PDB file of all heavy atoms in Angstrom:
ATOM      1  N   ILE A   1       3.993 -13.369   9.208  1.00  0.00           N
ATOM      2  CA  ILE A   1       4.308 -14.689   9.341  1.00  0.00           C
ATOM      3  C   ILE A   1       4.241 -15.549   8.036  1.00  0.00           C
ATOM      4  O   ILE A   1       5.253 -16.220   7.750  1.00  0.00           O
ATOM      5  CB  ILE A   1       3.523 -15.409  10.472  1.00  0.00           C
ATOM      6  CG1 ILE A   1       3.673 -14.679  11.779  1.00  0.00           C
ATOM      7  CG2 ILE A   1       3.913 -16.834  10.573  1.00  0.00           C
ATOM      8  CD1 ILE A   1       5.172 -14.547  12.248  1.00  0.00           C
ATOM      9  N   PRO A   2       3.220 -15.340   7.218  1.00  0.00           N
ATOM     10  CA  PRO A   2       3.286 -16.052   5.918  1.00  0.00           C
ATOM     11  C   PRO A   2       4.359 -15.598   5.020  1.00  0.00           C
ATOM     12  O   PRO A   2       4.900 -16.397   4.297  1.00  0.00           O
ATOM     13  CB  PRO A   2       1.897 -15.658   5.358  1.00  0.00           C
ATOM     14  CG  PRO A   2       0.965 -15.434   6.534  1.00  0.00           C
ATOM     15  CD  PRO A   2       2.014 -14.743   7.462  1.00  0.00           C
ATOM     16  N   ASN A   3       4.724 -14.322   5.004  1.00  0.00           N
ATOM     17  CA  ASN A   3       5.748 -13.899   4.253  1.00  0.00           C
ATOM     18  C   ASN A   3       7.107 -14.414   4.742  1.00  0.00           C
ATOM     19  O   ASN A   3       7.950 -14.716   3.958  1.00  0.00           O
ATOM     20  CB  ASN A   3       5.835 -12.324   4.158  1.00  0.00           C
ATOM     21  CG  ASN A   3       4.903 -11.732   3.030  1.00  0.00           C
ATOM     22  OD1 ASN A   3       5.323 -11.748   1.847  1.00  0.00           O
ATOM     23  ND2 ASN A   3       3.804 -11.223   3.374  1.00  0.00           N
ATOM     24  N   LEU A   4       7.253 -14.420   6.010  1.00  0.00           N
ATOM     25  CA  LEU A   4       8.487 -15.008   6.643  1.00  0.00           C
ATOM     26  C   LEU A   4       8.751 -16.413   6.110  1.00  0.00           C
ATOM     27  O   LEU A   4       9.857 -16.724   5.803  1.00  0.00           O
ATOM     28  CB  LEU A   4       8.345 -14.886   8.156  1.00  0.00           C
ATOM     29  CG  LEU A   4       9.400 -15.710   8.978  1.00  0.00           C
ATOM     30  CD1 LEU A   4      10.811 -15.040   8.606  1.00  0.00           C
ATOM     31  CD2 LEU A   4       9.216 -15.598  10.423  1.00  0.00           C
ATOM     32  N   ARG A   5       7.672 -17.195   6.187  1.00  0.00           N
ATOM     33  CA  ARG A   5       7.801 -18.686   5.760  1.00  0.00           C
ATOM     34  C   ARG A   5       8.226 -18.645   4.181  1.00  0.00           C
ATOM     35  O   ARG A   5       9.064 -19.548   3.897  1.00  0.00           O
ATOM     36  CB  ARG A   5       6.478 -19.293   5.974  1.00  0.00           C
ATOM     37  CG  ARG A   5       6.307 -19.671   7.448  1.00  0.00           C
ATOM     38  CD  ARG A   5       5.219 -20.718   7.578  1.00  0.00           C
ATOM     39  NE  ARG A   5       3.879 -20.230   7.403  1.00  0.00           N
ATOM     40  CZ  ARG A   5       3.063 -19.896   8.424  1.00  0.00           C
ATOM     41  NH1 ARG A   5       3.516 -20.006   9.711  1.00  0.00           N
ATOM     42  NH2 ARG A   5       1.844 -19.416   8.249  1.00  0.00           N
ATOM     43  N   ILE A   6       7.632 -17.746   3.420  1.00  0.00           N
ATOM     44  CA  ILE A   6       8.063 -17.848   1.955  1.00  0.00           C
ATOM     45  C   ILE A   6       9.454 -17.308   1.840  1.00  0.00           C
ATOM     46  O   ILE A   6      10.320 -17.922   0.999  1.00  0.00           O
ATOM     47  CB  ILE A   6       7.130 -16.847   1.155  1.00  0.00           C
ATOM     48  CG1 ILE A   6       5.620 -17.382   1.351  1.00  0.00           C
ATOM     49  CG2 ILE A   6       7.495 -16.876  -0.354  1.00  0.00           C
ATOM     50  CD1 ILE A   6       5.348 -18.710   0.943  1.00  0.00           C
ATOM     51  N   VAL A   7       9.905 -16.324   2.503  1.00  0.00           N
ATOM     52  CA  VAL A   7      11.185 -15.720   2.422  1.00  0.00           C
ATOM     53  C   VAL A   7      12.202 -16.764   2.937  1.00  0.00           C
ATOM     54  O   VAL A   7      13.328 -17.043   2.271  1.00  0.00           O
ATOM     55  CB  VAL A   7      11.373 -14.435   3.213  1.00  0.00           C
ATOM     56  CG1 VAL A   7      12.844 -14.106   3.430  1.00  0.00           C
ATOM     57  CG2 VAL A   7      10.731 -13.215   2.416  1.00  0.00           C
ATOM     58  N   ASN A   8      11.955 -17.438   4.052  1.00  0.00           N
ATOM     59  CA  ASN A   8      12.913 -18.456   4.553  1.00  0.00           C
ATOM     60  C   ASN A   8      12.911 -19.658   3.517  1.00  0.00           C
ATOM     61  O   ASN A   8      14.077 -20.234   3.362  1.00  0.00           O
ATOM     62  CB  ASN A   8      12.429 -18.989   5.836  1.00  0.00           C
ATOM     63  CG  ASN A   8      12.771 -18.051   6.969  1.00  0.00           C
ATOM     64  OD1 ASN A   8      13.501 -17.135   6.838  1.00  0.00           O
ATOM     65  ND2 ASN A   8      12.045 -18.257   8.166  1.00  0.00           N
ATOM     66  N   HIS A   9      11.912 -19.992   2.925  1.00  0.00           N
ATOM     67  CA  HIS A   9      11.907 -21.027   1.764  1.00  0.00           C
ATOM     68  C   HIS A   9      12.817 -20.553   0.640  1.00  0.00           C
ATOM     69  O   HIS A   9      13.750 -21.356   0.167  1.00  0.00           O
ATOM     70  CB  HIS A   9      10.586 -21.281   1.206  1.00  0.00           C
ATOM     71  CG  HIS A   9      10.510 -22.405   0.276  1.00  0.00           C
ATOM     72  ND1 HIS A   9      10.703 -23.671   0.603  1.00  0.00           N
ATOM     73  CD2 HIS A   9      10.640 -22.354  -1.111  1.00  0.00           C
ATOM     74  CE1 HIS A   9      10.623 -24.412  -0.532  1.00  0.00           C
ATOM     75  NE2 HIS A   9      10.577 -23.686  -1.617  1.00  0.00           N
ATOM     76  N   ILE A  10      12.803 -19.353   0.266  1.00  0.00           N
ATOM     77  CA  ILE A  10      13.687 -18.812  -0.877  1.00  0.00           C
ATOM     78  C   ILE A  10      15.148 -18.815  -0.375  1.00  0.00           C
ATOM     79  O   ILE A  10      16.092 -19.150  -1.091  1.00  0.00           O
ATOM     80  CB  ILE A  10      13.164 -17.476  -1.277  1.00  0.00           C
ATOM     81  CG1 ILE A  10      11.869 -17.537  -1.861  1.00  0.00           C
ATOM     82  CG2 ILE A  10      14.250 -16.843  -2.294  1.00  0.00           C
ATOM     83  CD1 ILE A  10      11.141 -16.078  -2.111  1.00  0.00           C
ATOM     84  N   LYS A  11      15.309 -18.417   0.888  1.00  0.00           N
ATOM     85  CA  LYS A  11      16.705 -18.405   1.431  1.00  0.00           C
ATOM     86  C   LYS A  11      17.321 -19.785   1.436  1.00  0.00           C
ATOM     87  O   LYS A  11      18.546 -19.943   1.164  1.00  0.00           O
ATOM     88  CB  LYS A  11      16.657 -17.869   2.902  1.00  0.00           C
ATOM     89  CG  LYS A  11      16.522 -16.312   2.905  1.00  0.00           C
ATOM     90  CD  LYS A  11      16.552 -15.901   4.418  1.00  0.00           C
ATOM     91  CE  LYS A  11      16.358 -14.335   4.495  1.00  0.00           C
ATOM     92  NZ  LYS A  11      16.204 -13.886   5.900  1.00  0.00           N
ATOM     93  N   SER A  12      16.525 -20.850   1.676  1.00  0.00           N
ATOM     94  CA  SER A  12      16.992 -22.161   1.629  1.00  0.00           C
ATOM     95  C   SER A  12      17.490 -22.581   0.300  1.00  0.00           C
ATOM     96  O   SER A  12      18.155 -23.593   0.126  1.00  0.00           O
ATOM     97  CB  SER A  12      15.933 -23.159   2.243  1.00  0.00           C
ATOM     98  OG  SER A  12      14.908 -23.338   1.184  1.00  0.00           O
ATOM     99  N   LYS A  13      17.023 -21.890  -0.704  1.00  0.00           N
ATOM    100  CA  LYS A  13      17.520 -22.094  -2.061  1.00  0.00           C
ATOM    101  C   LYS A  13      18.645 -21.310  -2.485  1.00  0.00           C
ATOM    102  O   LYS A  13      19.260 -21.320  -3.605  1.00  0.00           O
ATOM    103  CB  LYS A  13      16.290 -21.925  -3.071  1.00  0.00           C
ATOM    104  CG  LYS A  13      15.081 -22.668  -2.743  1.00  0.00           C
ATOM    105  CD  LYS A  13      15.304 -24.095  -2.873  1.00  0.00           C
ATOM    106  CE  LYS A  13      13.995 -24.929  -2.385  1.00  0.00           C
ATOM    107  NZ  LYS A  13      14.250 -26.351  -2.479  1.00  0.00           N
ATOM    108  N   ASN A  14      19.192 -20.554  -1.559  1.00  0.00           N
ATOM    109  CA  ASN A  14      20.399 -19.669  -1.844  1.00  0.00           C
ATOM    110  C   ASN A  14      20.077 -18.664  -2.965  1.00  0.00           C
ATOM    111  O   ASN A  14      20.947 -18.337  -3.809  1.00  0.00           O
ATOM    112  CB  ASN A  14      21.611 -20.490  -2.126  1.00  0.00           C
ATOM    113  CG  ASN A  14      22.066 -21.339  -0.920  1.00  0.00           C
ATOM    114  OD1 ASN A  14      22.125 -20.803   0.222  1.00  0.00           O
ATOM    115  ND2 ASN A  14      22.346 -22.608  -1.137  1.00  0.00           N
ATOM    116  N   VAL A  15      18.902 -18.147  -2.930  1.00  0.00           N
ATOM    117  CA  VAL A  15      18.489 -17.164  -3.936  1.00  0.00           C
ATOM    118  C   VAL A  15      17.906 -15.908  -3.217  1.00  0.00           C
ATOM    119  O   VAL A  15      17.213 -16.116  -2.121  1.00  0.00           O
ATOM    120  CB  VAL A  15      17.306 -17.740  -4.841  1.00  0.00           C
ATOM    121  CG1 VAL A  15      16.694 -16.553  -5.652  1.00  0.00           C
ATOM    122  CG2 VAL A  15      17.887 -18.770  -5.678  1.00  0.00           C
ATOM    123  N   PRO A  16      18.245 -14.708  -3.615  1.00  0.00           N
ATOM    124  CA  PRO A  16      17.689 -13.474  -2.873  1.00  0.00           C
ATOM    125  C   PRO A  16      16.229 -13.198  -3.148  1.00  0.00           C
ATOM    126  O   PRO A  16      15.737 -13.557  -4.283  1.00  0.00           O
ATOM    127  CB  PRO A  16      18.537 -12.407  -3.404  1.00  0.00           C
ATOM    128  CG  PRO A  16      19.078 -12.906  -4.716  1.00  0.00           C
ATOM    129  CD  PRO A  16      19.202 -14.328  -4.646  1.00  0.00           C
ATOM    130  N   SER A  17      15.604 -12.592  -2.234  1.00  0.00           N
ATOM    131  CA  SER A  17      14.157 -12.195  -2.360  1.00  0.00           C
ATOM    132  C   SER A  17      13.988 -10.799  -2.292  1.00  0.00           C
ATOM    133  O   SER A  17      14.736 -10.092  -1.584  1.00  0.00           O
ATOM    134  CB  SER A  17      13.332 -12.925  -1.301  1.00  0.00           C
ATOM    135  OG  SER A  17      13.804 -12.536  -0.038  1.00  0.00           O
ATOM    136  N   ILE A  18      12.909 -10.229  -2.957  1.00  0.00           N
ATOM    137  CA  ILE A  18      12.473  -8.844  -2.784  1.00  0.00           C
ATOM    138  C   ILE A  18      11.061  -8.961  -2.410  1.00  0.00           C
ATOM    139  O   ILE A  18      10.259  -9.506  -2.989  1.00  0.00           O
ATOM    140  CB  ILE A  18      12.585  -8.147  -4.120  1.00  0.00           C
ATOM    141  CG1 ILE A  18      13.983  -8.150  -4.754  1.00  0.00           C
ATOM    142  CG2 ILE A  18      12.101  -6.670  -3.885  1.00  0.00           C
ATOM    143  CD1 ILE A  18      14.117  -7.500  -6.046  1.00  0.00           C
ATOM    144  N   SER A  19      10.792  -8.184  -1.206  1.00  0.00           N
ATOM    145  CA  SER A  19       9.386  -8.265  -0.573  1.00  0.00           C
ATOM    146  C   SER A  19       8.715  -6.934  -0.884  1.00  0.00           C
ATOM    147  O   SER A  19       9.315  -5.933  -0.668  1.00  0.00           O
ATOM    148  CB  SER A  19       9.383  -8.645   0.858  1.00  0.00           C
ATOM    149  OG  SER A  19       9.647  -9.874   1.177  1.00  0.00           O
ATOM    150  N   PHE A  20       7.479  -6.987  -1.233  1.00  0.00           N
ATOM    151  CA  PHE A  20       6.745  -5.716  -1.473  1.00  0.00           C
ATOM    152  C   PHE A  20       5.352  -5.783  -0.793  1.00  0.00           C
ATOM    153  O   PHE A  20       4.363  -6.148  -1.452  1.00  0.00           O
ATOM    154  CB  PHE A  20       6.515  -5.681  -3.013  1.00  0.00           C
ATOM    155  CG  PHE A  20       5.815  -4.335  -3.439  1.00  0.00           C
ATOM    156  CD1 PHE A  20       6.180  -3.154  -2.830  1.00  0.00           C
ATOM    157  CD2 PHE A  20       4.956  -4.399  -4.470  1.00  0.00           C
ATOM    158  CE1 PHE A  20       5.471  -1.932  -3.263  1.00  0.00           C
ATOM    159  CE2 PHE A  20       4.257  -3.180  -4.925  1.00  0.00           C
ATOM    160  CZ  PHE A  20       4.641  -1.961  -4.292  1.00  0.00           C
ATOM    161  N   PRO A  21       5.377  -5.512   0.507  1.00  0.00           N
ATOM    162  CA  PRO A  21       4.090  -5.593   1.259  1.00  0.00           C
ATOM    163  C   PRO A  21       3.334  -4.123   1.046  1.00  0.00           C
ATOM    164  O   PRO A  21       3.267  -3.363   2.016  1.00  0.00           O
ATOM    165  CB  PRO A  21       4.513  -5.668   2.682  1.00  0.00           C
ATOM    166  CG  PRO A  21       5.930  -5.020   2.645  1.00  0.00           C
ATOM    167  CD  PRO A  21       6.526  -5.143   1.342  1.00  0.00           C
ATOM    168  N   LYS A  22       2.738  -3.920  -0.047  1.00  0.00           N
ATOM    169  CA  LYS A  22       2.195  -2.576  -0.364  1.00  0.00           C
ATOM    170  C   LYS A  22       1.158  -2.202   0.615  1.00  0.00           C
ATOM    171  O   LYS A  22       0.236  -2.832   0.899  1.00  0.00           O
ATOM    172  CB  LYS A  22       1.668  -2.638  -1.904  1.00  0.00           C
ATOM    173  CG  LYS A  22       1.127  -1.344  -2.409  1.00  0.00           C
ATOM    174  CD  LYS A  22       0.737  -1.410  -3.842  1.00  0.00           C
ATOM    175  CE  LYS A  22       0.254  -0.138  -4.305  1.00  0.00           C
ATOM    176  NZ  LYS A  22      -1.045   0.297  -3.671  1.00  0.00           N
ATOM    177  N   GLY A  23       1.273  -0.880   0.929  1.00  0.00           N
ATOM    178  CA  GLY A  23       0.206  -0.252   1.634  1.00  0.00           C
ATOM    179  C   GLY A  23       0.205  -0.273   3.071  1.00  0.00           C
ATOM    180  O   GLY A  23      -0.660   0.134   3.775  1.00  0.00           O
ATOM    181  N   ILE A  24       1.293  -0.838   3.712  1.00  0.00           N
ATOM    182  CA  ILE A  24       1.263  -1.035   5.204  1.00  0.00           C
ATOM    183  C   ILE A  24       1.835   0.013   5.946  1.00  0.00           C
ATOM    184  O   ILE A  24       1.975   0.052   7.204  1.00  0.00           O
ATOM    185  CB  ILE A  24       1.907  -2.423   5.659  1.00  0.00           C
ATOM    186  CG1 ILE A  24       3.399  -2.433   5.270  1.00  0.00           C
ATOM    187  CG2 ILE A  24       1.166  -3.563   4.996  1.00  0.00           C
ATOM    188  CD1 ILE A  24       4.056  -3.688   5.872  1.00  0.00           C
ATOM    189  N   GLY A  25       2.263   1.135   5.215  1.00  0.00           N
ATOM    190  CA  GLY A  25       2.806   2.304   5.893  1.00  0.00           C
ATOM    191  C   GLY A  25       4.080   1.966   6.843  1.00  0.00           C
ATOM    192  O   GLY A  25       4.896   1.326   6.391  1.00  0.00           O
ATOM    193  N   LYS A  26       4.077   2.596   7.879  1.00  0.00           N
ATOM    194  CA  LYS A  26       5.215   2.537   8.821  1.00  0.00           C
ATOM    195  C   LYS A  26       5.312   1.142   9.360  1.00  0.00           C
ATOM    196  O   LYS A  26       6.328   0.818  10.102  1.00  0.00           O
ATOM    197  CB  LYS A  26       5.212   3.672   9.868  1.00  0.00           C
ATOM    198  CG  LYS A  26       5.444   4.971   9.281  1.00  0.00           C
ATOM    199  CD  LYS A  26       5.528   6.057  10.295  1.00  0.00           C
ATOM    200  CE  LYS A  26       5.753   7.412   9.601  1.00  0.00           C
ATOM    201  NZ  LYS A  26       5.930   8.504  10.662  1.00  0.00           N
ATOM    202  N   ASN A  27       4.308   0.240   9.158  1.00  0.00           N
ATOM    203  CA  ASN A  27       4.503  -1.142   9.605  1.00  0.00           C
ATOM    204  C   ASN A  27       5.622  -1.837   8.771  1.00  0.00           C
ATOM    205  O   ASN A  27       5.940  -3.018   9.087  1.00  0.00           O
ATOM    206  CB  ASN A  27       3.154  -1.847   9.566  1.00  0.00           C
ATOM    207  CG  ASN A  27       2.169  -1.213  10.395  1.00  0.00           C
ATOM    208  OD1 ASN A  27       2.470  -1.168  11.670  1.00  0.00           O
ATOM    209  ND2 ASN A  27       0.992  -0.806   9.903  1.00  0.00           N
ATOM    210  N   TYR A  28       6.086  -1.191   7.685  1.00  0.00           N
ATOM    211  CA  TYR A  28       7.203  -1.683   7.053  1.00  0.00           C
ATOM    212  C   TYR A  28       8.370  -2.046   7.954  1.00  0.00           C
ATOM    213  O   TYR A  28       9.210  -3.016   7.760  1.00  0.00           O
ATOM    214  CB  TYR A  28       7.827  -0.714   5.986  1.00  0.00           C
ATOM    215  CG  TYR A  28       7.280  -0.810   4.506  1.00  0.00           C
ATOM    216  CD1 TYR A  28       6.128  -0.351   4.063  1.00  0.00           C
ATOM    217  CD2 TYR A  28       8.161  -1.594   3.634  1.00  0.00           C
ATOM    218  CE1 TYR A  28       5.686  -0.527   2.751  1.00  0.00           C
ATOM    219  CE2 TYR A  28       7.666  -1.755   2.360  1.00  0.00           C
ATOM    220  CZ  TYR A  28       6.503  -1.300   1.821  1.00  0.00           C
ATOM    221  OH  TYR A  28       6.097  -1.452   0.557  1.00  0.00           O
ATOM    222  N   LEU A  29       8.451  -1.192   9.017  1.00  0.00           N
ATOM    223  CA  LEU A  29       9.569  -1.442   9.966  1.00  0.00           C
ATOM    224  C   LEU A  29       9.361  -2.779  10.729  1.00  0.00           C
ATOM    225  O   LEU A  29      10.370  -3.599  10.835  1.00  0.00           O
ATOM    226  CB  LEU A  29       9.514  -0.250  11.064  1.00  0.00           C
ATOM    227  CG  LEU A  29      10.491  -0.378  12.194  1.00  0.00           C
ATOM    228  CD1 LEU A  29      11.939  -0.400  11.676  1.00  0.00           C
ATOM    229  CD2 LEU A  29      10.357   0.772  13.113  1.00  0.00           C
ATOM    230  N   ASP A  30       8.292  -3.086  11.213  1.00  0.00           N
ATOM    231  CA  ASP A  30       8.052  -4.443  11.810  1.00  0.00           C
ATOM    232  C   ASP A  30       8.165  -5.539  10.796  1.00  0.00           C
ATOM    233  O   ASP A  30       8.669  -6.638  11.013  1.00  0.00           O
ATOM    234  CB  ASP A  30       6.684  -4.529  12.382  1.00  0.00           C
ATOM    235  CG  ASP A  30       6.514  -3.626  13.684  1.00  0.00           C
ATOM    236  OD1 ASP A  30       7.632  -3.437  14.302  1.00  0.00           O
ATOM    237  OD2 ASP A  30       5.489  -3.252  14.004  1.00  0.00           O
ATOM    238  N   PHE A  31       7.759  -5.255   9.502  1.00  0.00           N
ATOM    239  CA  PHE A  31       7.781  -6.359   8.427  1.00  0.00           C
ATOM    240  C   PHE A  31       9.319  -6.713   8.208  1.00  0.00           C
ATOM    241  O   PHE A  31       9.525  -7.856   8.227  1.00  0.00           O
ATOM    242  CB  PHE A  31       7.208  -5.678   7.120  1.00  0.00           C
ATOM    243  CG  PHE A  31       7.322  -6.704   6.068  1.00  0.00           C
ATOM    244  CD1 PHE A  31       6.097  -7.535   5.683  1.00  0.00           C
ATOM    245  CD2 PHE A  31       8.335  -6.952   5.267  1.00  0.00           C
ATOM    246  CE1 PHE A  31       6.179  -8.410   4.699  1.00  0.00           C
ATOM    247  CE2 PHE A  31       8.517  -7.806   4.127  1.00  0.00           C
ATOM    248  CZ  PHE A  31       7.315  -8.616   3.967  1.00  0.00           C
ATOM    249  N   CYS A  32      10.122  -5.582   8.166  1.00  0.00           N
ATOM    250  CA  CYS A  32      11.598  -6.003   7.884  1.00  0.00           C
ATOM    251  C   CYS A  32      12.292  -6.650   9.152  1.00  0.00           C
ATOM    252  O   CYS A  32      13.072  -7.503   9.024  1.00  0.00           O
ATOM    253  CB  CYS A  32      12.282  -4.731   7.592  1.00  0.00           C
ATOM    254  SG  CYS A  32      11.927  -4.112   5.880  1.00  0.00           S
ATOM    255  N   LYS A  33      11.843  -6.236  10.303  1.00  0.00           N
ATOM    256  CA  LYS A  33      12.453  -6.877  11.447  1.00  0.00           C
ATOM    257  C   LYS A  33      12.015  -8.364  11.596  1.00  0.00           C
ATOM    258  O   LYS A  33      12.865  -9.177  12.109  1.00  0.00           O
ATOM    259  CB  LYS A  33      11.962  -6.188  12.817  1.00  0.00           C
ATOM    260  CG  LYS A  33      12.650  -4.791  13.127  1.00  0.00           C
ATOM    261  CD  LYS A  33      12.051  -4.176  14.270  1.00  0.00           C
ATOM    262  CE  LYS A  33      12.714  -2.816  14.504  1.00  0.00           C
ATOM    263  NZ  LYS A  33      12.068  -2.139  15.778  1.00  0.00           N
ATOM    264  N   ILE A  34      10.847  -8.636  11.185  1.00  0.00           N
ATOM    265  CA  ILE A  34      10.315 -10.062  11.336  1.00  0.00           C
ATOM    266  C   ILE A  34      10.702 -10.910  10.248  1.00  0.00           C
ATOM    267  O   ILE A  34      11.185 -12.028  10.307  1.00  0.00           O
ATOM    268  CB  ILE A  34       8.737 -10.088  11.636  1.00  0.00           C
ATOM    269  CG1 ILE A  34       8.460  -9.417  13.022  1.00  0.00           C
ATOM    270  CG2 ILE A  34       8.283 -11.503  11.592  1.00  0.00           C
ATOM    271  CD1 ILE A  34       6.999  -9.197  13.125  1.00  0.00           C
ATOM    272  N   VAL A  35      10.365 -10.340   8.997  1.00  0.00           N
ATOM    273  CA  VAL A  35      10.451 -11.144   7.774  1.00  0.00           C
ATOM    274  C   VAL A  35      12.040 -11.259   7.220  1.00  0.00           C
ATOM    275  O   VAL A  35      12.422 -12.250   6.755  1.00  0.00           O
ATOM    276  CB  VAL A  35       9.591 -10.622   6.648  1.00  0.00           C
ATOM    277  CG1 VAL A  35       9.781 -11.350   5.292  1.00  0.00           C
ATOM    278  CG2 VAL A  35       8.130 -10.582   7.062  1.00  0.00           C
ATOM    279  N   LYS A  36      12.778 -10.136   7.472  1.00  0.00           N
ATOM    280  CA  LYS A  36      14.121 -10.111   7.063  1.00  0.00           C
ATOM    281  C   LYS A  36      14.387 -10.537   5.523  1.00  0.00           C
ATOM    282  O   LYS A  36      15.115 -11.449   5.267  1.00  0.00           O
ATOM    283  CB  LYS A  36      14.992 -10.967   7.943  1.00  0.00           C
ATOM    284  CG  LYS A  36      15.026 -10.551   9.319  1.00  0.00           C
ATOM    285  CD  LYS A  36      15.937 -11.394  10.197  1.00  0.00           C
ATOM    286  CE  LYS A  36      16.150 -10.773  11.603  1.00  0.00           C
ATOM    287  NZ  LYS A  36      14.888 -10.823  12.335  1.00  0.00           N
ATOM    288  N   PRO A  37      13.598  -9.747   4.566  1.00  0.00           N
ATOM    289  CA  PRO A  37      13.853 -10.109   3.188  1.00  0.00           C
ATOM    290  C   PRO A  37      15.224  -9.729   2.781  1.00  0.00           C
ATOM    291  O   PRO A  37      15.937  -8.813   3.388  1.00  0.00           O
ATOM    292  CB  PRO A  37      12.779  -9.261   2.569  1.00  0.00           C
ATOM    293  CG  PRO A  37      12.640  -8.135   3.399  1.00  0.00           C
ATOM    294  CD  PRO A  37      12.706  -8.665   4.880  1.00  0.00           C
ATOM    295  N   SER A  38      15.782 -10.167   1.529  1.00  0.00           N
ATOM    296  CA  SER A  38      17.048  -9.766   1.056  1.00  0.00           C
ATOM    297  C   SER A  38      16.988  -8.244   0.643  1.00  0.00           C
ATOM    298  O   SER A  38      18.000  -7.598   0.775  1.00  0.00           O
ATOM    299  CB  SER A  38      17.441 -10.628  -0.165  1.00  0.00           C
ATOM    300  OG  SER A  38      17.347 -11.961   0.169  1.00  0.00           O
ATOM    301  N   CYS A  39      15.822  -7.843   0.167  1.00  0.00           N
ATOM    302  CA  CYS A  39      15.609  -6.450  -0.264  1.00  0.00           C
ATOM    303  C   CYS A  39      14.096  -6.148  -0.060  1.00  0.00           C
ATOM    304  O   CYS A  39      13.254  -6.958  -0.078  1.00  0.00           O
ATOM    305  CB  CYS A  39      15.947  -6.346  -1.695  1.00  0.00           C
ATOM    306  SG  CYS A  39      15.680  -4.765  -2.506  1.00  0.00           S
ATOM    307  N   ILE A  40      13.793  -4.901   0.364  1.00  0.00           N
ATOM    308  CA  ILE A  40      12.533  -4.415   0.627  1.00  0.00           C
ATOM    309  C   ILE A  40      12.077  -3.388  -0.525  1.00  0.00           C
ATOM    310  O   ILE A  40      12.792  -2.446  -0.783  1.00  0.00           O
ATOM    311  CB  ILE A  40      12.335  -3.795   1.959  1.00  0.00           C
ATOM    312  CG1 ILE A  40      10.841  -3.563   2.244  1.00  0.00           C
ATOM    313  CG2 ILE A  40      13.085  -2.538   2.214  1.00  0.00           C
ATOM    314  CD1 ILE A  40       9.993  -4.840   2.571  1.00  0.00           C
ATOM    315  N   SER A  41      10.962  -3.749  -1.152  1.00  0.00           N
ATOM    316  CA  SER A  41      10.482  -2.743  -2.193  1.00  0.00           C
ATOM    317  C   SER A  41       9.393  -1.930  -1.542  1.00  0.00           C
ATOM    318  O   SER A  41       8.516  -2.389  -0.911  1.00  0.00           O
ATOM    319  CB  SER A  41       9.817  -3.578  -3.331  1.00  0.00           C
ATOM    320  OG  SER A  41       9.657  -2.798  -4.491  1.00  0.00           O
ATOM    321  N   ILE A  42       9.575  -0.543  -1.655  1.00  0.00           N
ATOM    322  CA  ILE A  42       8.776   0.471  -0.897  1.00  0.00           C
ATOM    323  C   ILE A  42       7.663   0.962  -1.858  1.00  0.00           C
ATOM    324  O   ILE A  42       7.950   1.106  -3.062  1.00  0.00           O
ATOM    325  CB  ILE A  42       9.490   1.543  -0.184  1.00  0.00           C
ATOM    326  CG1 ILE A  42      10.298   2.300  -1.331  1.00  0.00           C
ATOM    327  CG2 ILE A  42      10.424   0.864   0.882  1.00  0.00           C
ATOM    328  CD1 ILE A  42      10.975   3.518  -0.688  1.00  0.00           C
ATOM    329  N   ASP A  43       6.463   1.234  -1.310  1.00  0.00           N
ATOM    330  CA  ASP A  43       5.476   1.895  -2.135  1.00  0.00           C
ATOM    331  C   ASP A  43       5.562   3.333  -2.059  1.00  0.00           C
ATOM    332  O   ASP A  43       6.276   3.968  -1.308  1.00  0.00           O
ATOM    333  CB  ASP A  43       4.073   1.334  -1.703  1.00  0.00           C
ATOM    334  CG  ASP A  43       3.689   1.728  -0.324  1.00  0.00           C
ATOM    335  OD1 ASP A  43       3.728   2.986  -0.078  1.00  0.00           O
ATOM    336  OD2 ASP A  43       3.359   0.818   0.491  1.00  0.00           O
ATOM    337  N   TYR A  44       4.696   3.956  -2.819  1.00  0.00           N
ATOM    338  CA  TYR A  44       4.850   5.479  -3.111  1.00  0.00           C
ATOM    339  C   TYR A  44       4.225   6.324  -1.910  1.00  0.00           C
ATOM    340  O   TYR A  44       4.484   7.552  -1.815  1.00  0.00           O
ATOM    341  CB  TYR A  44       4.185   5.956  -4.421  1.00  0.00           C
ATOM    342  CG  TYR A  44       2.779   5.427  -4.602  1.00  0.00           C
ATOM    343  CD1 TYR A  44       1.666   5.945  -4.021  1.00  0.00           C
ATOM    344  CD2 TYR A  44       2.625   4.223  -5.426  1.00  0.00           C
ATOM    345  CE1 TYR A  44       0.409   5.420  -4.179  1.00  0.00           C
ATOM    346  CE2 TYR A  44       1.341   3.735  -5.607  1.00  0.00           C
ATOM    347  CZ  TYR A  44       0.241   4.412  -5.006  1.00  0.00           C
ATOM    348  OH  TYR A  44      -0.948   3.839  -5.227  1.00  0.00           O
ATOM    349  N   GLU A  45       3.726   5.574  -0.920  1.00  0.00           N
ATOM    350  CA  GLU A  45       3.127   6.369   0.156  1.00  0.00           C
ATOM    351  C   GLU A  45       4.111   6.560   1.268  1.00  0.00           C
ATOM    352  O   GLU A  45       3.875   7.357   2.261  1.00  0.00           O
ATOM    353  CB  GLU A  45       1.813   5.561   0.772  1.00  0.00           C
ATOM    354  CG  GLU A  45       0.645   5.527  -0.192  1.00  0.00           C
ATOM    355  CD  GLU A  45      -0.438   4.732   0.248  1.00  0.00           C
ATOM    356  OE1 GLU A  45      -0.300   3.794   1.268  1.00  0.00           O
ATOM    357  OE2 GLU A  45      -1.580   4.829  -0.180  1.00  0.00           O
ATOM    358  N   LEU A  46       5.264   5.853   1.231  1.00  0.00           N
ATOM    359  CA  LEU A  46       6.278   5.961   2.286  1.00  0.00           C
ATOM    360  C   LEU A  46       7.227   7.169   1.938  1.00  0.00           C
ATOM    361  O   LEU A  46       7.677   7.352   0.804  1.00  0.00           O
ATOM    362  CB  LEU A  46       7.130   4.750   2.398  1.00  0.00           C
ATOM    363  CG  LEU A  46       6.467   3.591   3.135  1.00  0.00           C
ATOM    364  CD1 LEU A  46       7.496   2.400   3.087  1.00  0.00           C
ATOM    365  CD2 LEU A  46       6.301   3.933   4.534  1.00  0.00           C
ATOM    366  N   ASP A  47       7.562   7.880   3.015  1.00  0.00           N
ATOM    367  CA  ASP A  47       8.565   9.008   2.876  1.00  0.00           C
ATOM    368  C   ASP A  47       9.943   8.349   2.714  1.00  0.00           C
ATOM    369  O   ASP A  47      10.300   7.541   3.636  1.00  0.00           O
ATOM    370  CB  ASP A  47       8.515   9.841   4.058  1.00  0.00           C
ATOM    371  CG  ASP A  47       9.464  11.124   4.006  1.00  0.00           C
ATOM    372  OD1 ASP A  47      10.345  11.032   3.110  1.00  0.00           O
ATOM    373  OD2 ASP A  47       9.362  11.884   4.774  1.00  0.00           O
TER     374      ASP A  47
END
């Protein structure tokens, strides 16, 4: 939810965002569904 608010703020400025929620494993899936960043940066623990 905090990341969603930040991403939405950036979207309101018509600028793309890259989100990097390091270390959350397969919860990256829920992160992308909820936050909807312009781009997702993945950490080295993800296949």
